[in-house]
Amino acid sequence: MSAATEAPAAPPAEKLTKKVLTADHPTWCPGCGDFAVLAAFYKVLEKLQYPHEKIVCVAGIGCSSRFPYFVNSHGIHFIHGRALPLATGLSLSRPDVHVFVFGGDGDGFSIGGNHLNHAARKNVRLTYVIMDNFVYGLTKNQTSPTSPTGRKSKTDPQGSFDRPINPMKQLLASGATFIARTHAAQVAHMMQTFERAIQHDGFSVVECLSECVMFYPGAFDDGLPRKGGVFDVIDETAHDVKDDVAAFKLADAPAPGKFGVFYQVNRPTKNEKELNFIAETQAKLGGASQKDLLRKRFEVMR
């Protein structure tokens, strides 16, 4: 091809900025902790500069699950508690994209708890941010799986009888390969935690304590030094993040608990295993395409 007929050079990739990433004005209540989570996510994406077309945001139902509406990227708002199965399919079918899932304590630990366990144990390559506010805010003050014992709500006017789940212990038992906790009012720490989670090759999940100012104001003041609390960050020079037994012990700390990375280990992802299986099968069949493999499978199933 001569110089005169050469194809024009591709235009330079658009630099990701908050302006580019912003899709709509958030509709959360004024003062909601989720505003800070969204701002931190923008900042981390600005730093990482992933190709804009390679970013996917998925969410279920809840206040925090409105996230995809506010991020200018590929995104989908799925049914209650079912964000992870959909995100799993996206991650496995498109290993070239960066999949982010957003939800709350109800969407993640209640109706979606079973899906959380299975996505974690399979080590699907994605990042899940759980904005935990210890209450069902969208449905106007109902007890959630993380609500403290004795807390009164519309569903437990006498005070909750039930013992709340321990998110860190549940995630450790599920087999997630990156587990961390942060606080929406500790923005620098939140950004550092998000960046580390996003760059982890596997299933990374971050519990982010995010205050619901309408129905549970002050829920996480015990983790804020400016309000008399203690923001106790895990010292990784003393804690081995590959030691799940040590992580379980850290998870037993009384409220507000520890903040930082509880556990991080590298294991083969489901994405990697499936791609290897497909490649091996194609090689055995003389380079058959994935469509050919699917067609042959359907023929066997008739």
Protein backbone atom coordinates (compact mmCIF):
# COMPACT_ATOMS: atom_id res chain seq x y z
CA MET A 1 0.00 0.00 0.00
CA SER A 2 1.43 3.38 -0.99
CA ALA A 3 1.72 6.31 1.35
CA ALA A 4 -1.12 7.99 -0.53
CA THR A 5 -3.50 5.11 0.10
CA GLU A 6 -2.50 4.20 3.65
CA ALA A 7 -5.34 4.06 6.13
CA PRO A 8 -5.54 7.10 8.39
CA ALA A 9 -4.05 6.70 11.85
CA ALA A 10 -6.50 5.91 14.61
CA PRO A 11 -7.44 8.97 16.66
CA PRO A 12 -5.77 9.14 20.09
CA ALA A 13 -7.73 7.53 22.91
CA GLU A 14 -9.93 9.90 24.86
CA LYS A 15 -8.43 10.72 28.23
CA LEU A 16 -10.70 9.66 31.07
CA THR A 17 -11.72 12.53 33.31
CA LYS A 18 -14.54 13.01 35.78
CA LYS A 19 -16.35 15.06 33.15
CA VAL A 20 -16.10 12.22 30.64
CA LEU A 21 -17.11 9.60 33.21
CA THR A 22 -20.10 11.49 34.60
CA ALA A 23 -23.40 10.38 33.07
CA ASP A 24 -25.99 12.06 35.26
CA HIS A 25 -26.35 13.91 38.54
CA PRO A 26 -26.68 11.41 41.43
CA THR A 27 -30.12 11.26 43.04
CA TRP A 28 -29.09 10.11 46.50
CA CYS A 29 -30.20 11.99 49.59
CA PRO A 30 -27.97 14.99 50.46
CA GLY A 31 -25.12 13.81 52.66
CA CYS A 32 -25.34 10.16 51.64
CA GLY A 33 -22.00 8.34 51.87
CA ASP A 34 -22.49 6.94 48.38
CA PHE A 35 -21.56 10.32 46.86
CA ALA A 36 -18.03 9.89 48.21
CA VAL A 37 -17.84 6.33 46.88
CA LEU A 38 -18.80 7.52 43.41
CA ALA A 39 -16.28 10.37 43.53
CA ALA A 40 -13.53 7.97 44.62
CA PHE A 41 -14.39 5.59 41.78
CA TYR A 42 -14.12 8.45 39.27
CA LYS A 43 -10.71 9.39 40.68
CA VAL A 44 -9.35 5.86 40.52
CA LEU A 45 -10.51 5.40 36.92
CA GLU A 46 -8.90 8.74 36.06
CA LYS A 47 -5.64 7.42 37.46
CA LEU A 48 -5.78 3.98 35.84
CA GLN A 49 -6.90 5.31 32.44
CA TYR A 50 -8.51 2.10 31.24
CA PRO A 51 -9.96 2.36 27.71
CA HIS A 52 -13.35 3.97 28.10
CA GLU A 53 -15.08 1.29 26.04
CA LYS A 54 -13.64 -1.45 28.29
CA ILE A 55 -15.44 -0.32 31.46
CA VAL A 56 -18.66 -2.06 32.54
CA CYS A 57 -20.74 -1.22 35.62
CA VAL A 58 -23.37 -3.67 36.91
CA ALA A 59 -25.76 -3.33 39.86
CA GLY A 60 -28.85 -4.90 41.38
CA ILE A 61 -31.52 -3.05 43.37
CA GLY A 62 -31.03 -0.53 46.17
CA CYS A 63 -29.91 3.04 46.71
CA SER A 64 -26.25 2.21 46.02
CA SER A 65 -27.27 0.08 43.04
CA ARG A 66 -28.14 3.23 41.12
CA PHE A 67 -24.43 3.49 40.36
CA PRO A 68 -24.62 2.56 36.65
CA TYR A 69 -26.96 5.52 36.06
CA PHE A 70 -24.24 7.94 37.12
CA VAL A 71 -21.20 6.44 35.38
CA ASN A 72 -20.79 7.09 31.66
CA SER A 73 -19.76 3.58 30.64
CA HIS A 74 -21.32 0.34 29.54
CA GLY A 75 -23.71 -0.51 32.35
CA ILE A 76 -26.82 -2.35 33.39
CA HIS A 77 -29.23 -2.19 36.32
CA PHE A 78 -30.26 -5.79 36.96
CA ILE A 79 -32.81 -7.47 39.25
CA HIS A 80 -32.51 -7.58 43.03
CA GLY A 81 -29.58 -9.66 44.26
CA ARG A 82 -28.73 -11.00 40.81
CA ALA A 83 -26.02 -8.58 39.71
CA LEU A 84 -23.20 -11.08 40.22
CA PRO A 85 -24.50 -13.87 37.93
CA LEU A 86 -24.91 -11.32 35.14
CA ALA A 87 -21.49 -9.80 35.84
CA THR A 88 -19.98 -13.30 35.85
CA GLY A 89 -21.32 -13.92 32.35
CA LEU A 90 -19.97 -10.59 31.17
CA SER A 91 -16.53 -11.23 32.64
CA LEU A 92 -16.26 -14.77 31.22
CA SER A 93 -17.50 -13.87 27.75
CA ARG A 94 -15.50 -10.66 27.49
CA PRO A 95 -12.20 -11.15 29.35
CA ASP A 96 -10.91 -7.93 27.79
CA VAL A 97 -13.27 -5.67 29.77
CA HIS A 98 -13.10 -4.44 33.37
CA VAL A 99 -16.27 -5.44 35.20
CA PHE A 100 -17.39 -3.52 38.29
CA VAL A 101 -20.37 -4.48 40.45
CA PHE A 102 -21.99 -2.12 42.95
CA GLY A 103 -24.59 -2.85 45.61
CA GLY A 104 -25.59 -2.57 49.23
CA ASP A 105 -25.75 -4.84 52.25
CA GLY A 106 -29.21 -6.12 51.31
CA ASP A 107 -28.44 -6.75 47.66
CA GLY A 108 -25.11 -8.40 48.52
CA PHE A 109 -25.58 -10.19 51.84
CA SER A 110 -29.31 -10.97 51.83
CA ILE A 111 -31.11 -11.81 48.59
CA GLY A 112 -27.80 -11.92 46.71
CA GLY A 113 -25.82 -13.73 49.39
CA ASN A 114 -25.91 -17.09 47.65
CA HIS A 115 -24.63 -15.59 44.40
CA LEU A 116 -21.89 -13.77 46.30
CA ASN A 117 -20.60 -17.06 47.72
CA HIS A 118 -20.48 -18.77 44.35
CA ALA A 119 -18.95 -15.91 42.38
CA ALA A 120 -16.29 -15.66 45.09
CA ARG A 121 -15.42 -19.36 45.23
CA LYS A 122 -15.16 -19.50 41.42
CA ASN A 123 -12.74 -16.54 41.52
CA VAL A 124 -14.38 -14.69 38.65
CA ARG A 125 -12.32 -11.71 37.50
CA LEU A 126 -14.32 -8.66 38.66
CA THR A 127 -14.49 -6.06 41.43
CA TYR A 128 -17.49 -5.87 43.77
CA VAL A 129 -18.04 -2.79 45.97
CA ILE A 130 -20.61 -3.34 48.72
CA MET A 131 -21.83 -0.07 50.23
CA ASP A 132 -22.91 -1.23 53.67
CA ASN A 133 -25.09 1.14 55.67
CA PHE A 134 -26.59 -1.37 58.16
CA VAL A 135 -30.14 -0.60 56.98
CA TYR A 136 -32.49 -0.98 54.03
CA GLY A 137 -32.62 2.66 52.98
CA LEU A 138 -34.49 2.39 49.68
CA THR A 139 -37.48 0.80 51.44
CA LYS A 140 -37.36 3.40 54.20
CA ASN A 141 -35.71 1.95 57.30
CA GLN A 142 -35.96 -1.80 57.51
CA THR A 143 -33.60 -4.21 59.25
CA SER A 144 -30.79 -5.45 56.99
CA PRO A 145 -28.44 -8.45 57.39
CA THR A 146 -25.80 -6.19 58.97
CA SER A 147 -28.10 -4.21 61.30
CA PRO A 148 -26.82 -4.46 64.89
CA THR A 149 -28.81 -6.50 67.40
CA GLY A 150 -31.30 -4.29 69.21
CA ARG A 151 -31.59 -1.67 66.48
CA LYS A 152 -35.19 -0.54 65.96
CA SER A 153 -36.63 -0.25 62.47
CA LYS A 154 -39.99 -0.47 60.71
CA THR A 155 -39.65 -4.24 60.49
CA ASP A 156 -38.31 -4.60 64.05
CA PRO A 157 -39.95 -1.82 66.09
CA GLN A 158 -39.00 -3.65 69.30
CA GLY A 159 -35.36 -3.89 68.19
CA SER A 160 -33.78 -6.61 66.07
CA PHE A 161 -33.42 -10.00 67.77
CA ASP A 162 -31.11 -11.39 65.12
CA ARG A 163 -27.35 -11.55 65.21
CA PRO A 164 -25.92 -9.60 62.23
CA ILE A 165 -23.63 -11.35 59.80
CA ASN A 166 -19.92 -10.64 59.84
CA PRO A 167 -19.14 -9.61 56.23
CA MET A 168 -15.40 -10.22 56.50
CA LYS A 169 -15.88 -13.74 57.89
CA GLN A 170 -18.48 -14.60 55.27
CA LEU A 171 -16.24 -13.40 52.46
CA LEU A 172 -13.25 -15.29 53.85
CA ALA A 173 -15.29 -18.48 54.07
CA SER A 174 -16.59 -17.99 50.52
CA GLY A 175 -13.12 -18.14 49.00
CA ALA A 176 -12.80 -14.58 47.67
CA THR A 177 -9.18 -13.84 46.79
CA PHE A 178 -9.19 -10.15 47.73
CA ILE A 179 -11.15 -8.92 50.75
CA ALA A 180 -10.99 -5.42 52.21
CA ARG A 181 -12.97 -2.87 54.22
CA THR A 182 -12.94 0.90 53.96
CA HIS A 183 -15.02 3.91 55.06
CA ALA A 184 -16.78 6.37 52.75
CA ALA A 185 -15.65 9.29 54.94
CA GLN A 186 -11.99 8.24 54.65
CA VAL A 187 -11.58 9.15 51.00
CA ALA A 188 -7.83 8.68 50.61
CA HIS A 189 -7.99 5.20 52.15
CA MET A 190 -11.05 4.36 50.06
CA MET A 191 -9.27 5.31 46.83
CA GLN A 192 -6.18 3.30 47.73
CA THR A 193 -8.35 0.29 48.56
CA PHE A 194 -10.35 0.56 45.33
CA GLU A 195 -7.21 0.81 43.22
CA ARG A 196 -5.67 -2.22 44.85
CA ALA A 197 -8.89 -4.22 44.47
CA ILE A 198 -9.29 -3.28 40.81
CA GLN A 199 -5.73 -4.32 39.99
CA HIS A 200 -6.14 -7.70 41.68
CA ASP A 201 -6.42 -10.55 39.18
CA GLY A 202 -9.46 -12.38 40.53
CA PHE A 203 -12.61 -11.83 42.57
CA SER A 204 -12.02 -8.69 44.63
CA VAL A 205 -14.61 -7.36 47.05
CA VAL A 206 -14.57 -4.22 49.17
CA GLU A 207 -17.04 -3.56 51.96
CA CYS A 208 -17.40 0.21 52.21
CA LEU A 209 -19.16 1.59 55.28
CA SER A 210 -21.41 4.26 53.79
CA GLU A 211 -23.68 6.24 56.10
CA CYS A 212 -27.41 6.49 55.40
CA VAL A 213 -28.05 9.98 56.74
CA MET A 214 -31.83 9.60 56.49
CA PHE A 215 -32.43 6.34 58.35
CA TYR A 216 -29.22 5.52 60.24
CA PRO A 217 -27.29 8.75 60.85
CA GLY A 218 -24.09 8.37 62.80
CA ALA A 219 -23.91 4.60 62.24
CA PHE A 220 -20.18 4.70 61.55
CA ASP A 221 -19.05 7.62 63.71
CA ASP A 222 -17.06 5.14 65.81
CA GLY A 223 -14.72 4.83 62.82
CA LEU A 224 -14.23 8.59 62.43
CA PRO A 225 -11.55 10.30 64.53
CA ARG A 226 -13.13 13.74 63.93
CA LYS A 227 -16.26 12.40 65.65
CA GLY A 228 -14.41 10.75 68.49
CA GLY A 229 -14.00 7.36 66.84
CA VAL A 230 -10.97 5.30 65.81
CA PHE A 231 -10.01 4.49 62.23
CA ASP A 232 -7.89 1.41 62.92
CA VAL A 233 -5.98 0.46 59.76
CA ILE A 234 -4.49 -3.03 59.40
CA ASP A 235 -0.72 -3.01 59.72
CA GLU A 236 0.48 -5.26 56.90
CA THR A 237 3.99 -5.36 58.33
CA ALA A 238 2.47 -7.38 61.18
CA HIS A 239 -0.43 -9.04 59.33
CA ASP A 240 0.20 -11.55 56.52
CA VAL A 241 -2.59 -10.92 53.99
CA LYS A 242 -2.14 -14.48 52.67
CA ASP A 243 -3.03 -15.97 56.06
CA ASP A 244 -6.78 -16.60 56.19
CA VAL A 245 -6.64 -17.73 59.83
CA ALA A 246 -5.07 -14.41 60.82
CA ALA A 247 -7.72 -12.62 58.73
CA PHE A 248 -10.50 -14.44 60.61
CA LYS A 249 -8.99 -13.23 63.89
CA LEU A 250 -8.91 -9.64 62.59
CA ALA A 251 -12.55 -9.98 61.57
CA ASP A 252 -13.46 -10.62 65.23
CA ALA A 253 -12.40 -7.12 66.29
CA PRO A 254 -15.27 -5.23 67.98
CA ALA A 255 -17.04 -2.41 66.15
CA PRO A 256 -16.01 -0.46 64.18
CA GLY A 257 -13.50 -3.19 63.39
CA LYS A 258 -10.35 -3.03 61.32
CA PHE A 259 -9.95 -1.27 57.97
CA GLY A 260 -7.75 -2.25 55.06
CA VAL A 261 -6.90 -5.48 53.28
CA PHE A 262 -7.81 -8.55 55.32
CA TYR A 263 -6.87 -11.14 52.72
CA GLN A 264 -5.22 -11.24 49.32
CA VAL A 265 -3.96 -14.30 47.49
CA ASN A 266 -3.35 -15.19 43.86
CA ARG A 267 -5.21 -18.19 42.47
CA PRO A 268 -6.10 -19.11 38.88
CA THR A 269 -9.29 -17.31 37.85
CA LYS A 270 -12.31 -18.98 36.32
CA ASN A 271 -11.69 -16.77 33.29
CA GLU A 272 -8.20 -18.19 32.83
CA LYS A 273 -9.32 -21.79 33.32
CA GLU A 274 -12.18 -21.50 30.82
CA LEU A 275 -10.02 -19.81 28.18
CA ASN A 276 -7.43 -22.58 28.54
CA PHE A 277 -10.13 -25.24 28.21
CA ILE A 278 -11.53 -23.60 25.08
CA ALA A 279 -8.07 -23.30 23.51
CA GLU A 280 -7.25 -26.96 24.26
CA THR A 281 -10.58 -28.12 22.82
CA GLN A 282 -10.11 -26.03 19.68
CA ALA A 283 -6.63 -27.48 19.21
CA LYS A 284 -7.95 -31.05 19.51
CA LEU A 285 -10.57 -30.30 16.85
CA GLY A 286 -8.17 -28.82 14.35
CA GLY A 287 -8.69 -25.17 15.20
CA ALA A 288 -12.49 -25.21 15.27
CA SER A 289 -14.08 -21.85 16.06
CA GLN A 290 -16.04 -21.28 19.24
CA LYS A 291 -19.23 -21.23 17.17
CA ASP A 292 -18.31 -24.62 15.72
CA LEU A 293 -17.75 -25.99 19.21
CA LEU A 294 -21.14 -24.71 20.32
CA ARG A 295 -22.80 -26.16 17.23
CA LYS A 296 -21.23 -29.59 17.88
CA ARG A 297 -22.39 -29.47 21.50
CA PHE A 298 -25.95 -28.76 20.41
CA GLU A 299 -25.81 -31.69 18.00
CA VAL A 300 -24.76 -34.02 20.84
CA MET A 301 -27.63 -32.74 22.99
CA ARG A 302 -30.33 -33.55 20.39
